[in-house]
Amino acid sequence: MTDLAIKQATYQDIIDLQENIVGEIINGQLEIHPRPAPKHALAVGSLGDELISPFHKRRGGPGGWWIIDEPECHLGPDVLVPDLAGWRRQRMPRLYLSLHLPSIPFHFLIYGNKSITNEK
């Protein structure tokens, strides 16, 4: 039996994708999916609206957060594109204007019906 070498995905693999495809690198593997359908985008937008007013804009809440739709998060070797992500401004004092965000510890990522928190 021969061992097949599994090609580790690179950022170039993401760059080479068609515009309507979202690419992520998770555990060295390229994961792809189409851009969200309108129903999904509407649901995420609605959730984002609920979070942005109190946490981003300080309307009826604590403020002090960046809430971002579909950011490209580079976390070590992984590249993630969650539906929504949030950072406390004390950890990320300025909003990065580049395509991808650096490895600043996030507080939450929301993927459809899953969420990942990194609250300490």
Protein backbone atom coordinates (compact mmCIF):
# COMPACT_ATOMS: atom_id res chain seq x y z
CA MET A 1 0.00 0.00 0.00
CA THR A 2 1.37 3.40 -0.87
CA ASP A 3 1.01 6.49 1.24
CA LEU A 4 -0.53 9.34 -0.70
CA ALA A 5 0.79 12.74 0.25
CA ILE A 6 -1.99 15.18 1.00
CA LYS A 7 -1.30 18.59 -0.51
CA GLN A 8 -1.44 21.34 2.07
CA ALA A 9 -3.57 24.24 0.88
CA THR A 10 -1.99 27.66 0.45
CA TYR A 11 -3.42 31.16 0.23
CA GLN A 12 -2.79 31.02 -3.51
CA ASP A 13 -5.45 28.29 -3.68
CA ILE A 14 -7.96 30.79 -2.28
CA ILE A 15 -6.84 33.54 -4.65
CA ASP A 16 -7.29 31.18 -7.62
CA LEU A 17 -10.97 30.47 -6.84
CA GLN A 18 -13.81 31.95 -8.88
CA GLU A 19 -15.35 35.15 -7.50
CA ASN A 20 -18.58 33.44 -6.42
CA ILE A 21 -16.76 30.85 -4.28
CA VAL A 22 -15.64 31.35 -0.68
CA GLY A 23 -12.47 29.50 0.27
CA GLU A 24 -11.15 28.72 3.71
CA ILE A 25 -8.09 26.79 4.87
CA ILE A 26 -8.92 24.61 7.85
CA ASN A 27 -6.30 22.20 9.21
CA GLY A 28 -4.32 22.56 5.99
CA GLN A 29 -7.23 21.62 3.73
CA LEU A 30 -9.01 23.92 1.29
CA GLU A 31 -12.73 24.09 2.10
CA ILE A 32 -14.95 25.78 -0.47
CA HIS A 33 -18.59 26.80 -0.64
CA PRO A 34 -20.66 29.17 -2.75
CA ARG A 35 -21.39 32.70 -1.61
CA PRO A 36 -24.34 32.70 0.79
CA ALA A 37 -27.80 32.56 -0.74
CA PRO A 38 -30.04 35.63 -0.29
CA LYS A 39 -32.07 34.01 2.51
CA HIS A 40 -28.89 33.22 4.46
CA ALA A 41 -27.46 36.70 3.80
CA LEU A 42 -30.70 38.28 5.06
CA ALA A 43 -30.62 36.19 8.25
CA VAL A 44 -26.97 37.06 8.94
CA GLY A 45 -27.65 40.72 8.19
CA SER A 46 -30.52 40.71 10.66
CA LEU A 47 -28.35 39.11 13.34
CA GLY A 48 -25.59 41.61 12.60
CA ASP A 49 -28.09 44.46 12.97
CA GLU A 50 -29.04 43.15 16.42
CA LEU A 51 -25.38 43.06 17.47
CA ILE A 52 -24.10 46.25 15.83
CA SER A 53 -26.41 48.73 17.58
CA PRO A 54 -25.53 47.81 21.19
CA PHE A 55 -22.00 46.48 20.77
CA HIS A 56 -20.55 48.46 17.86
CA LYS A 57 -22.50 51.73 18.06
CA ARG A 58 -23.16 51.78 21.84
CA ARG A 59 -26.92 52.20 21.34
CA GLY A 60 -28.52 50.51 24.35
CA GLY A 61 -25.40 48.48 25.08
CA PRO A 62 -21.78 48.63 26.17
CA GLY A 63 -20.18 49.52 22.81
CA GLY A 64 -16.48 48.97 22.35
CA TRP A 65 -16.66 46.21 19.75
CA TRP A 66 -15.94 45.77 16.05
CA ILE A 67 -18.66 43.58 14.49
CA ILE A 68 -17.72 42.60 10.94
CA ASP A 69 -19.61 40.65 8.24
CA GLU A 70 -17.64 37.90 6.48
CA PRO A 71 -14.11 38.98 7.45
CA GLU A 72 -11.20 36.92 6.25
CA CYS A 73 -9.48 35.88 9.48
CA HIS A 74 -5.93 34.56 9.36
CA LEU A 75 -5.44 32.50 12.49
CA GLY A 76 -2.04 30.85 12.30
CA PRO A 77 -2.08 28.60 9.23
CA ASP A 78 -5.89 28.64 9.01
CA VAL A 79 -7.93 31.13 6.98
CA LEU A 80 -11.54 31.41 8.12
CA VAL A 81 -14.44 33.41 6.66
CA PRO A 82 -17.20 33.39 9.27
CA ASP A 83 -20.61 34.96 8.70
CA LEU A 84 -19.92 37.44 11.53
CA ALA A 85 -17.01 38.05 13.86
CA GLY A 86 -16.45 40.35 16.80
CA TRP A 87 -13.42 41.88 18.46
CA ARG A 88 -13.20 44.12 21.48
CA ARG A 89 -11.66 47.41 20.43
CA GLN A 90 -9.17 47.18 23.28
CA ARG A 91 -7.63 44.15 21.49
CA MET A 92 -7.93 45.66 18.01
CA PRO A 93 -7.86 49.45 18.49
CA ARG A 94 -8.12 50.23 14.80
CA LEU A 95 -10.11 48.68 12.00
CA TYR A 96 -7.85 47.09 9.40
CA LEU A 97 -8.64 48.18 5.86
CA SER A 98 -6.92 45.27 4.14
CA LEU A 99 -8.70 42.26 2.68
CA HIS A 100 -7.71 40.01 5.56
CA LEU A 101 -7.40 40.57 9.26
CA PRO A 102 -4.24 39.62 11.15
CA SER A 103 -4.09 37.01 13.89
CA ILE A 104 -5.64 39.22 16.55
CA PRO A 105 -7.53 37.05 19.04
CA PHE A 106 -11.24 37.19 18.25
CA HIS A 107 -14.06 37.01 20.72
CA PHE A 108 -16.62 35.26 18.57
CA LEU A 109 -17.15 33.88 15.10
CA ILE A 110 -20.59 32.92 13.81
CA TYR A 111 -20.98 30.28 11.11
CA GLY A 112 -24.64 29.76 10.19
CA ASN A 113 -25.99 27.78 13.13
CA LYS A 114 -22.62 27.43 14.90
CA SER A 115 -20.65 29.92 16.96
CA ILE A 116 -17.10 29.80 18.24
CA THR A 117 -16.09 31.91 21.21
CA ASN A 118 -12.66 32.82 22.44
CA GLU A 119 -13.64 34.81 25.52
CA LYS A 120 -11.06 34.83 28.28
